[in-house]
């Protein structure tokens, strides 16, 4: 990505749900989809004292999500991801052509 888009929210808000924080710390969750940009590649953030770094930022249609993407989000599969997301966001509908920002991240190492 040549030009980084403007941030729409603070990186500290990227992963906030308690179960998803635990999944990230366990190395299960490595992606977070958001409507806006919360962090840029190379930017660091902390979850309960553990450091992470954003490794990639890209756009994706919701309809292009796979079971592997849902697992990288910390869910067992796409069906459960959709179900929980729709329950969390009252009034939201799953629009296959809706684009979201995919933030990929990894635990930050000292090396």
C-alpha atoms as a PDB file:
ATOM      1  CA  UNK A   1       0.000   0.000   0.000  1.00  0.00           C
ATOM      2  CA  UNK A   2       1.681   3.176  -1.186  1.00  0.00           C
ATOM      3  CA  UNK A   3      -0.230   5.915   0.639  1.00  0.00           C
ATOM      4  CA  UNK A   4      -1.553   5.184   4.082  1.00  0.00           C
ATOM      5  CA  UNK A   5      -5.169   6.186   4.647  1.00  0.00           C
ATOM      6  CA  UNK A   6      -6.104   8.563   7.417  1.00  0.00           C
ATOM      7  CA  UNK A   7      -6.841   6.918  10.753  1.00  0.00           C
ATOM      8  CA  UNK A   8     -10.439   6.954  11.891  1.00  0.00           C
ATOM      9  CA  UNK A   9      -9.822   5.680  15.432  1.00  0.00           C
ATOM     10  CA  UNK A  10      -7.015   5.141  17.917  1.00  0.00           C
ATOM     11  CA  UNK A  11      -5.000   1.923  17.697  1.00  0.00           C
ATOM     12  CA  UNK A  12      -5.802   1.271  21.368  1.00  0.00           C
ATOM     13  CA  UNK A  13      -9.391   0.554  20.216  1.00  0.00           C
ATOM     14  CA  UNK A  14      -8.343  -2.084  17.650  1.00  0.00           C
ATOM     15  CA  UNK A  15      -8.923  -5.140  19.886  1.00  0.00           C
ATOM     16  CA  UNK A  16     -11.109  -4.511  22.923  1.00  0.00           C
ATOM     17  CA  UNK A  17     -13.329  -7.528  23.640  1.00  0.00           C
ATOM     18  CA  UNK A  18     -11.948  -9.539  26.585  1.00  0.00           C
ATOM     19  CA  UNK A  19     -12.142 -12.931  24.809  1.00  0.00           C
ATOM     20  CA  UNK A  20     -10.506 -11.522  21.680  1.00  0.00           C
ATOM     21  CA  UNK A  21      -7.705  -9.920  23.705  1.00  0.00           C
ATOM     22  CA  UNK A  22      -7.064 -13.342  25.260  1.00  0.00           C
ATOM     23  CA  UNK A  23      -7.106 -14.956  21.798  1.00  0.00           C
ATOM     24  CA  UNK A  24      -4.571 -12.408  20.516  1.00  0.00           C
ATOM     25  CA  UNK A  25      -2.300 -12.984  23.502  1.00  0.00           C
ATOM     26  CA  UNK A  26      -2.518 -16.745  22.870  1.00  0.00           C
ATOM     27  CA  UNK A  27      -1.499 -16.242  19.208  1.00  0.00           C
ATOM     28  CA  UNK A  28      -4.893 -17.393  17.886  1.00  0.00           C
ATOM     29  CA  UNK A  29      -6.174 -13.973  16.803  1.00  0.00           C
ATOM     30  CA  UNK A  30      -3.935 -12.290  14.233  1.00  0.00           C
ATOM     31  CA  UNK A  31      -6.441 -10.107  12.360  1.00  0.00           C
ATOM     32  CA  UNK A  32      -9.064  -7.477  13.163  1.00  0.00           C
ATOM     33  CA  UNK A  33     -11.569  -6.124  10.682  1.00  0.00           C
ATOM     34  CA  UNK A  34     -12.902  -2.627  11.179  1.00  0.00           C
ATOM     35  CA  UNK A  35     -14.886  -0.134   9.115  1.00  0.00           C
ATOM     36  CA  UNK A  36     -12.078   2.371   9.594  1.00  0.00           C
ATOM     37  CA  UNK A  37      -8.306   2.453   9.953  1.00  0.00           C
ATOM     38  CA  UNK A  38      -7.097   1.991  13.528  1.00  0.00           C
ATOM     39  CA  UNK A  39      -3.411   1.301  12.915  1.00  0.00           C
ATOM     40  CA  UNK A  40      -0.797   1.414  10.181  1.00  0.00           C
ATOM     41  CA  UNK A  41       1.793  -1.248   9.308  1.00  0.00           C
ATOM     42  CA  UNK A  42       4.744  -0.953  11.671  1.00  0.00           C
ATOM     43  CA  UNK A  43       2.668   0.651  14.418  1.00  0.00           C
ATOM     44  CA  UNK A  44       2.743  -0.992  17.857  1.00  0.00           C
ATOM     45  CA  UNK A  45       0.037  -1.453  20.471  1.00  0.00           C
ATOM     46  CA  UNK A  46      -0.346  -3.269  23.782  1.00  0.00           C
ATOM     47  CA  UNK A  47      -2.937  -5.694  25.078  1.00  0.00           C
ATOM     48  CA  UNK A  48      -2.739  -6.248  28.828  1.00  0.00           C
ATOM     49  CA  UNK A  49       1.013  -5.641  28.893  1.00  0.00           C
ATOM     50  CA  UNK A  50       1.838  -7.673  25.769  1.00  0.00           C
ATOM     51  CA  UNK A  51       3.208  -5.790  22.756  1.00  0.00           C
ATOM     52  CA  UNK A  52       1.931  -6.301  19.199  1.00  0.00           C
ATOM     53  CA  UNK A  53       2.809  -4.789  15.846  1.00  0.00           C
ATOM     54  CA  UNK A  54       0.557  -4.197  12.849  1.00  0.00           C
ATOM     55  CA  UNK A  55       2.093  -6.177   9.999  1.00  0.00           C
ATOM     56  CA  UNK A  56      -0.337  -5.377   7.191  1.00  0.00           C
ATOM     57  CA  UNK A  57      -3.364  -3.244   6.355  1.00  0.00           C
ATOM     58  CA  UNK A  58      -5.644  -4.057   3.432  1.00  0.00           C
ATOM     59  CA  UNK A  59      -9.232  -3.749   2.196  1.00  0.00           C
ATOM     60  CA  UNK A  60     -11.538  -6.725   1.825  1.00  0.00           C
ATOM     61  CA  UNK A  61     -15.169  -7.322   0.929  1.00  0.00           C
ATOM     62  CA  UNK A  62     -17.097  -9.049   3.693  1.00  0.00           C
ATOM     63  CA  UNK A  63     -18.233 -11.521   1.036  1.00  0.00           C
ATOM     64  CA  UNK A  64     -14.616 -12.530   0.405  1.00  0.00           C
ATOM     65  CA  UNK A  65     -14.017 -13.642   3.990  1.00  0.00           C
ATOM     66  CA  UNK A  66     -13.152 -17.326   4.451  1.00  0.00           C
ATOM     67  CA  UNK A  67     -13.232 -19.726   7.377  1.00  0.00           C
ATOM     68  CA  UNK A  68      -9.461 -19.170   7.695  1.00  0.00           C
ATOM     69  CA  UNK A  69     -10.051 -15.407   7.972  1.00  0.00           C
ATOM     70  CA  UNK A  70     -12.646 -15.988  10.697  1.00  0.00           C
ATOM     71  CA  UNK A  71     -10.199 -18.239  12.555  1.00  0.00           C
ATOM     72  CA  UNK A  72      -7.532 -15.503  12.307  1.00  0.00           C
ATOM     73  CA  UNK A  73     -10.155 -13.219  13.880  1.00  0.00           C
ATOM     74  CA  UNK A  74     -10.329 -15.619  16.846  1.00  0.00           C
ATOM     75  CA  UNK A  75     -13.541 -17.467  15.900  1.00  0.00           C
ATOM     76  CA  UNK A  76     -14.042 -21.170  15.058  1.00  0.00           C
ATOM     77  CA  UNK A  77     -15.411 -20.399  11.586  1.00  0.00           C
ATOM     78  CA  UNK A  78     -17.161 -17.912   9.348  1.00  0.00           C
ATOM     79  CA  UNK A  79     -20.725 -18.824  10.376  1.00  0.00           C
ATOM     80  CA  UNK A  80     -19.995 -18.124  14.049  1.00  0.00           C
ATOM     81  CA  UNK A  81     -18.074 -14.943  13.184  1.00  0.00           C
ATOM     82  CA  UNK A  82     -21.063 -13.595  11.225  1.00  0.00           C
ATOM     83  CA  UNK A  83     -23.492 -14.569  13.971  1.00  0.00           C
ATOM     84  CA  UNK A  84     -21.509 -12.897  16.759  1.00  0.00           C
ATOM     85  CA  UNK A  85     -20.698  -9.760  14.757  1.00  0.00           C
ATOM     86  CA  UNK A  86     -24.373  -9.264  13.894  1.00  0.00           C
ATOM     87  CA  UNK A  87     -25.355  -9.760  17.559  1.00  0.00           C
ATOM     88  CA  UNK A  88     -22.680  -7.297  18.718  1.00  0.00           C
ATOM     89  CA  UNK A  89     -23.776  -4.598  16.253  1.00  0.00           C
ATOM     90  CA  UNK A  90     -27.524  -4.226  16.640  1.00  0.00           C
ATOM     91  CA  UNK A  91     -29.214  -3.342  13.369  1.00  0.00           C
ATOM     92  CA  UNK A  92     -26.215  -4.328  11.249  1.00  0.00           C
ATOM     93  CA  UNK A  93     -26.799  -6.477   8.192  1.00  0.00           C
ATOM     94  CA  UNK A  94     -24.161  -8.592   6.477  1.00  0.00           C
ATOM     95  CA  UNK A  95     -23.556  -6.850   3.166  1.00  0.00           C
ATOM     96  CA  UNK A  96     -21.372  -9.049   0.938  1.00  0.00           C
ATOM     97  CA  UNK A  97     -20.044  -6.016  -0.991  1.00  0.00           C
ATOM     98  CA  UNK A  98     -19.269  -3.928   2.108  1.00  0.00           C
ATOM     99  CA  UNK A  99     -15.527  -3.200   2.345  1.00  0.00           C
ATOM    100  CA  UNK A 100     -13.685  -3.317   5.660  1.00  0.00           C
ATOM    101  CA  UNK A 101     -10.087  -2.683   6.665  1.00  0.00           C
ATOM    102  CA  UNK A 102      -8.161  -5.811   7.639  1.00  0.00           C
ATOM    103  CA  UNK A 103      -5.506  -5.115  10.271  1.00  0.00           C
ATOM    104  CA  UNK A 104      -3.030  -8.019  10.522  1.00  0.00           C
ATOM    105  CA  UNK A 105      -0.793  -8.119  13.554  1.00  0.00           C
ATOM    106  CA  UNK A 106       1.666 -10.281  15.461  1.00  0.00           C
ATOM    107  CA  UNK A 107       3.228 -10.352  18.899  1.00  0.00           C
ATOM    108  CA  UNK A 108       6.196  -8.009  18.947  1.00  0.00           C
ATOM    109  CA  UNK A 109       9.534  -9.668  19.594  1.00  0.00           C
ATOM    110  CA  UNK A 110      12.567  -8.004  21.126  1.00  0.00           C
ATOM    111  CA  UNK A 111      14.834  -8.907  18.222  1.00  0.00           C
END
